[in-house]
Amino acid sequence: MNFYGINYLQAQSNLNYYLKYAIIFSSLFVLIVVFSLYMRHRLKTKYRDLTIIAFLFLLFVSGVQYSDYTNGENIHSQSSQMVNFVKNLSSKKNVSAESIFSSSVQLSDGVIVKVSDDYYRVDLSADQNTYNLVKVGLVNPDITIVK
């Protein structure tokens, strides 16, 4: 079971987003080059076909990127809720936020939280504004701490 620290929650990698943006901009560059070749050599239809293919590829990749962007925004919102929860819990338990680890990067019902050497299950209310911590005993937990 992986437990994540507050530093990991605050700085999740966005390398995949940069790679997708690079693909979009490179396909846009290819589209511009092929379209300019088509405009110069109007009698050669291969440039027109390449322009259409590049445009459709750019349209497809943009659609996939938009879908991933909306999903990423939801995940980022839930991750920021978890960061706020960890900070709130650290002030209530009088421990540092770096000594609290959670079993999920998103705040949801049933998340296991490790505070110092104790383990708690988080029971959220229906509106997710209040929570109840239930102490659980993990027998020989196989834990990996991700900071």
C-alpha atoms as a PDB file:
ATOM      1  CA  MET A   1       0.000   0.000   0.000  1.00  0.00           C
ATOM      2  CA  ASN A   2       1.414   3.384  -0.975  1.00  0.00           C
ATOM      3  CA  PHE A   3       1.144   6.380   1.329  1.00  0.00           C
ATOM      4  CA  TYR A   4       1.707   9.867  -0.065  1.00  0.00           C
ATOM      5  CA  GLY A   5       3.181  12.826   1.767  1.00  0.00           C
ATOM      6  CA  ILE A   6       2.130  16.444   1.453  1.00  0.00           C
ATOM      7  CA  ASN A   7       5.123  17.300  -0.741  1.00  0.00           C
ATOM      8  CA  TYR A   8       4.054  14.682  -3.280  1.00  0.00           C
ATOM      9  CA  LEU A   9       0.461  15.888  -3.144  1.00  0.00           C
ATOM     10  CA  GLN A  10       1.500  19.471  -3.813  1.00  0.00           C
ATOM     11  CA  ALA A  11       3.908  18.759  -6.662  1.00  0.00           C
ATOM     12  CA  GLN A  12       2.521  16.028  -8.871  1.00  0.00           C
ATOM     13  CA  SER A  13       4.287  15.728 -12.201  1.00  0.00           C
ATOM     14  CA  ASN A  14       2.755  17.293 -15.284  1.00  0.00           C
ATOM     15  CA  LEU A  15       5.265  15.822 -17.736  1.00  0.00           C
ATOM     16  CA  ASN A  16       2.511  14.107 -19.731  1.00  0.00           C
ATOM     17  CA  TYR A  17       0.819  17.458 -20.331  1.00  0.00           C
ATOM     18  CA  TYR A  18       4.034  18.974 -21.691  1.00  0.00           C
ATOM     19  CA  LEU A  19       4.511  16.010 -24.020  1.00  0.00           C
ATOM     20  CA  LYS A  20       0.965  16.374 -25.368  1.00  0.00           C
ATOM     21  CA  TYR A  21       1.457  20.096 -25.899  1.00  0.00           C
ATOM     22  CA  ALA A  22       4.681  19.387 -27.807  1.00  0.00           C
ATOM     23  CA  ILE A  23       2.821  16.948 -30.071  1.00  0.00           C
ATOM     24  CA  ILE A  24       0.068  19.494 -30.723  1.00  0.00           C
ATOM     25  CA  PHE A  25       2.482  22.305 -31.580  1.00  0.00           C
ATOM     26  CA  SER A  26       4.654  20.096 -33.769  1.00  0.00           C
ATOM     27  CA  SER A  27       1.609  18.859 -35.699  1.00  0.00           C
ATOM     28  CA  LEU A  28       0.480  22.479 -36.064  1.00  0.00           C
ATOM     29  CA  PHE A  29       3.913  23.325 -37.473  1.00  0.00           C
ATOM     30  CA  VAL A  30       3.675  20.398 -39.916  1.00  0.00           C
ATOM     31  CA  LEU A  31       0.212  21.584 -40.943  1.00  0.00           C
ATOM     32  CA  ILE A  32       1.504  25.086 -41.688  1.00  0.00           C
ATOM     33  CA  VAL A  33       4.475  23.782 -43.694  1.00  0.00           C
ATOM     34  CA  VAL A  34       2.379  21.360 -45.743  1.00  0.00           C
ATOM     35  CA  PHE A  35      -0.315  23.976 -46.356  1.00  0.00           C
ATOM     36  CA  SER A  36       2.269  26.486 -47.577  1.00  0.00           C
ATOM     37  CA  LEU A  37       3.665  23.826 -49.939  1.00  0.00           C
ATOM     38  CA  TYR A  38       0.143  23.160 -51.180  1.00  0.00           C
ATOM     39  CA  MET A  39      -0.428  26.862 -51.830  1.00  0.00           C
ATOM     40  CA  ARG A  40       2.839  27.065 -53.784  1.00  0.00           C
ATOM     41  CA  HIS A  41       2.215  23.925 -55.863  1.00  0.00           C
ATOM     42  CA  ARG A  42      -1.538  23.896 -56.389  1.00  0.00           C
ATOM     43  CA  LEU A  43      -1.430  21.340 -59.173  1.00  0.00           C
ATOM     44  CA  LYS A  44       0.146  18.653 -56.973  1.00  0.00           C
ATOM     45  CA  THR A  45      -2.631  17.089 -54.958  1.00  0.00           C
ATOM     46  CA  LYS A  46      -0.320  15.214 -52.601  1.00  0.00           C
ATOM     47  CA  TYR A  47       0.237  18.419 -50.607  1.00  0.00           C
ATOM     48  CA  ARG A  48      -3.523  18.950 -50.365  1.00  0.00           C
ATOM     49  CA  ASP A  49      -3.945  15.401 -49.075  1.00  0.00           C
ATOM     50  CA  LEU A  50      -1.122  15.844 -46.582  1.00  0.00           C
ATOM     51  CA  THR A  51      -2.741  19.099 -45.404  1.00  0.00           C
ATOM     52  CA  ILE A  52      -6.036  17.334 -44.800  1.00  0.00           C
ATOM     53  CA  ILE A  53      -4.311  14.482 -42.953  1.00  0.00           C
ATOM     54  CA  ALA A  54      -2.302  16.892 -40.786  1.00  0.00           C
ATOM     55  CA  PHE A  55      -5.433  18.936 -40.030  1.00  0.00           C
ATOM     56  CA  LEU A  56      -7.417  15.845 -39.014  1.00  0.00           C
ATOM     57  CA  PHE A  57      -4.535  14.629 -36.846  1.00  0.00           C
ATOM     58  CA  LEU A  58      -4.326  18.028 -35.160  1.00  0.00           C
ATOM     59  CA  LEU A  59      -8.078  18.019 -34.594  1.00  0.00           C
ATOM     60  CA  PHE A  60      -7.940  14.530 -33.076  1.00  0.00           C
ATOM     61  CA  VAL A  61      -5.009  15.317 -30.771  1.00  0.00           C
ATOM     62  CA  SER A  62      -6.663  18.574 -29.674  1.00  0.00           C
ATOM     63  CA  GLY A  63      -9.841  16.700 -28.778  1.00  0.00           C
ATOM     64  CA  VAL A  64      -7.917  14.138 -26.760  1.00  0.00           C
ATOM     65  CA  GLN A  65      -5.976  16.919 -25.038  1.00  0.00           C
ATOM     66  CA  TYR A  66      -9.178  18.764 -24.124  1.00  0.00           C
ATOM     67  CA  SER A  67     -10.651  15.598 -22.657  1.00  0.00           C
ATOM     68  CA  ASP A  68      -7.489  14.965 -20.645  1.00  0.00           C
ATOM     69  CA  TYR A  69      -7.450  18.605 -19.560  1.00  0.00           C
ATOM     70  CA  THR A  70     -10.956  18.431 -18.099  1.00  0.00           C
ATOM     71  CA  ASN A  71     -10.126  15.158 -16.319  1.00  0.00           C
ATOM     72  CA  GLY A  72      -6.889  16.681 -15.049  1.00  0.00           C
ATOM     73  CA  GLU A  73      -8.710  19.683 -13.673  1.00  0.00           C
ATOM     74  CA  ASN A  74     -11.019  17.402 -11.698  1.00  0.00           C
ATOM     75  CA  ILE A  75      -8.084  15.426 -10.330  1.00  0.00           C
ATOM     76  CA  HIS A  76      -6.191  18.629  -9.479  1.00  0.00           C
ATOM     77  CA  SER A  77      -9.238  19.938  -7.630  1.00  0.00           C
ATOM     78  CA  GLN A  78      -9.517  16.738  -5.615  1.00  0.00           C
ATOM     79  CA  SER A  79      -5.757  16.759  -4.910  1.00  0.00           C
ATOM     80  CA  SER A  80      -5.957  20.313  -3.607  1.00  0.00           C
ATOM     81  CA  GLN A  81      -8.808  19.184  -1.329  1.00  0.00           C
ATOM     82  CA  MET A  82      -6.482  16.489   0.029  1.00  0.00           C
ATOM     83  CA  VAL A  83      -3.720  19.044   0.647  1.00  0.00           C
ATOM     84  CA  ASN A  84      -6.152  21.247   2.570  1.00  0.00           C
ATOM     85  CA  PHE A  85      -7.375  18.209   4.508  1.00  0.00           C
ATOM     86  CA  VAL A  86      -3.808  17.255   5.497  1.00  0.00           C
ATOM     87  CA  LYS A  87      -3.049  20.802   6.622  1.00  0.00           C
ATOM     88  CA  ASN A  88      -6.291  20.938   8.612  1.00  0.00           C
ATOM     89  CA  LEU A  89      -5.609  17.552  10.191  1.00  0.00           C
ATOM     90  CA  SER A  90      -2.061  18.561  11.116  1.00  0.00           C
ATOM     91  CA  SER A  91      -3.349  21.591  13.005  1.00  0.00           C
ATOM     92  CA  LYS A  92      -6.006  19.519  14.815  1.00  0.00           C
ATOM     93  CA  LYS A  93      -3.597  16.734  15.785  1.00  0.00           C
ATOM     94  CA  ASN A  94      -0.760  19.192  16.604  1.00  0.00           C
ATOM     95  CA  VAL A  95       1.739  17.461  14.319  1.00  0.00           C
ATOM     96  CA  SER A  96       3.620  18.702  11.309  1.00  0.00           C
ATOM     97  CA  ALA A  97       2.024  18.248   7.900  1.00  0.00           C
ATOM     98  CA  GLU A  98       5.123  16.311   6.765  1.00  0.00           C
ATOM     99  CA  SER A  99       4.361  13.547   9.292  1.00  0.00           C
ATOM    100  CA  ILE A 100       0.908  12.851   7.791  1.00  0.00           C
ATOM    101  CA  PHE A 101       0.590  10.414   4.904  1.00  0.00           C
ATOM    102  CA  SER A 102      -2.517   9.348   3.007  1.00  0.00           C
ATOM    103  CA  SER A 103      -3.302   6.222   1.000  1.00  0.00           C
ATOM    104  CA  SER A 104      -4.809   8.259  -1.832  1.00  0.00           C
ATOM    105  CA  VAL A 105      -3.961  11.474  -3.624  1.00  0.00           C
ATOM    106  CA  GLN A 106      -7.667  12.391  -3.755  1.00  0.00           C
ATOM    107  CA  LEU A 107      -9.948  13.063  -0.832  1.00  0.00           C
ATOM    108  CA  SER A 108     -12.633  10.407  -0.743  1.00  0.00           C
ATOM    109  CA  ASP A 109     -14.547   8.353   1.776  1.00  0.00           C
ATOM    110  CA  GLY A 110     -12.533   5.489   3.253  1.00  0.00           C
ATOM    111  CA  VAL A 111      -9.046   6.939   2.729  1.00  0.00           C
ATOM    112  CA  ILE A 112      -6.479   5.622   5.203  1.00  0.00           C
ATOM    113  CA  VAL A 113      -4.387   8.347   6.845  1.00  0.00           C
ATOM    114  CA  LYS A 114      -1.166   7.709   8.759  1.00  0.00           C
ATOM    115  CA  VAL A 115      -0.570  10.256  11.519  1.00  0.00           C
ATOM    116  CA  SER A 116       2.779   9.581  13.202  1.00  0.00           C
ATOM    117  CA  ASP A 117       2.438   5.852  14.035  1.00  0.00           C
ATOM    118  CA  ASP A 118      -1.378   5.663  14.092  1.00  0.00           C
ATOM    119  CA  TYR A 119      -3.655   4.775  11.188  1.00  0.00           C
ATOM    120  CA  TYR A 120      -7.098   6.320  10.693  1.00  0.00           C
ATOM    121  CA  ARG A 121      -9.903   5.757   8.212  1.00  0.00           C
ATOM    122  CA  VAL A 122     -11.569   8.964   7.032  1.00  0.00           C
ATOM    123  CA  ASP A 123     -15.364   8.855   6.971  1.00  0.00           C
ATOM    124  CA  LEU A 124     -16.679  11.863   5.071  1.00  0.00           C
ATOM    125  CA  SER A 125     -20.138  13.296   5.460  1.00  0.00           C
ATOM    126  CA  ALA A 126     -22.521  13.354   2.494  1.00  0.00           C
ATOM    127  CA  ASP A 127     -21.604  16.954   1.626  1.00  0.00           C
ATOM    128  CA  GLN A 128     -17.867  16.233   2.203  1.00  0.00           C
ATOM    129  CA  ASN A 129     -17.503  19.246   4.481  1.00  0.00           C
ATOM    130  CA  THR A 130     -17.033  17.298   7.718  1.00  0.00           C
ATOM    131  CA  TYR A 131     -15.196  14.106   8.494  1.00  0.00           C
ATOM    132  CA  ASN A 132     -14.812  11.534  11.229  1.00  0.00           C
ATOM    133  CA  LEU A 133     -11.540   9.731  11.940  1.00  0.00           C
ATOM    134  CA  VAL A 134     -11.821   6.074  12.944  1.00  0.00           C
ATOM    135  CA  LYS A 135      -8.662   4.484  14.308  1.00  0.00           C
ATOM    136  CA  VAL A 136      -7.811   1.260  12.508  1.00  0.00           C
ATOM    137  CA  GLY A 137      -5.196  -1.322  13.308  1.00  0.00           C
ATOM    138  CA  LEU A 138      -3.221  -2.583  10.350  1.00  0.00           C
ATOM    139  CA  VAL A 139      -1.564  -5.951  10.967  1.00  0.00           C
ATOM    140  CA  ASN A 140       1.873  -6.086   9.335  1.00  0.00           C
ATOM    141  CA  PRO A 141       1.121  -3.411   6.771  1.00  0.00           C
ATOM    142  CA  ASP A 142       3.207  -3.503   3.619  1.00  0.00           C
ATOM    143  CA  ILE A 143       3.671   0.254   3.310  1.00  0.00           C
ATOM    144  CA  THR A 144       5.630   2.337   0.854  1.00  0.00           C
ATOM    145  CA  ILE A 145       6.006   6.008   1.770  1.00  0.00           C
ATOM    146  CA  VAL A 146       6.093   8.376  -1.228  1.00  0.00           C
ATOM    147  CA  LYS A 147       7.313  11.818  -0.215  1.00  0.00           C
END
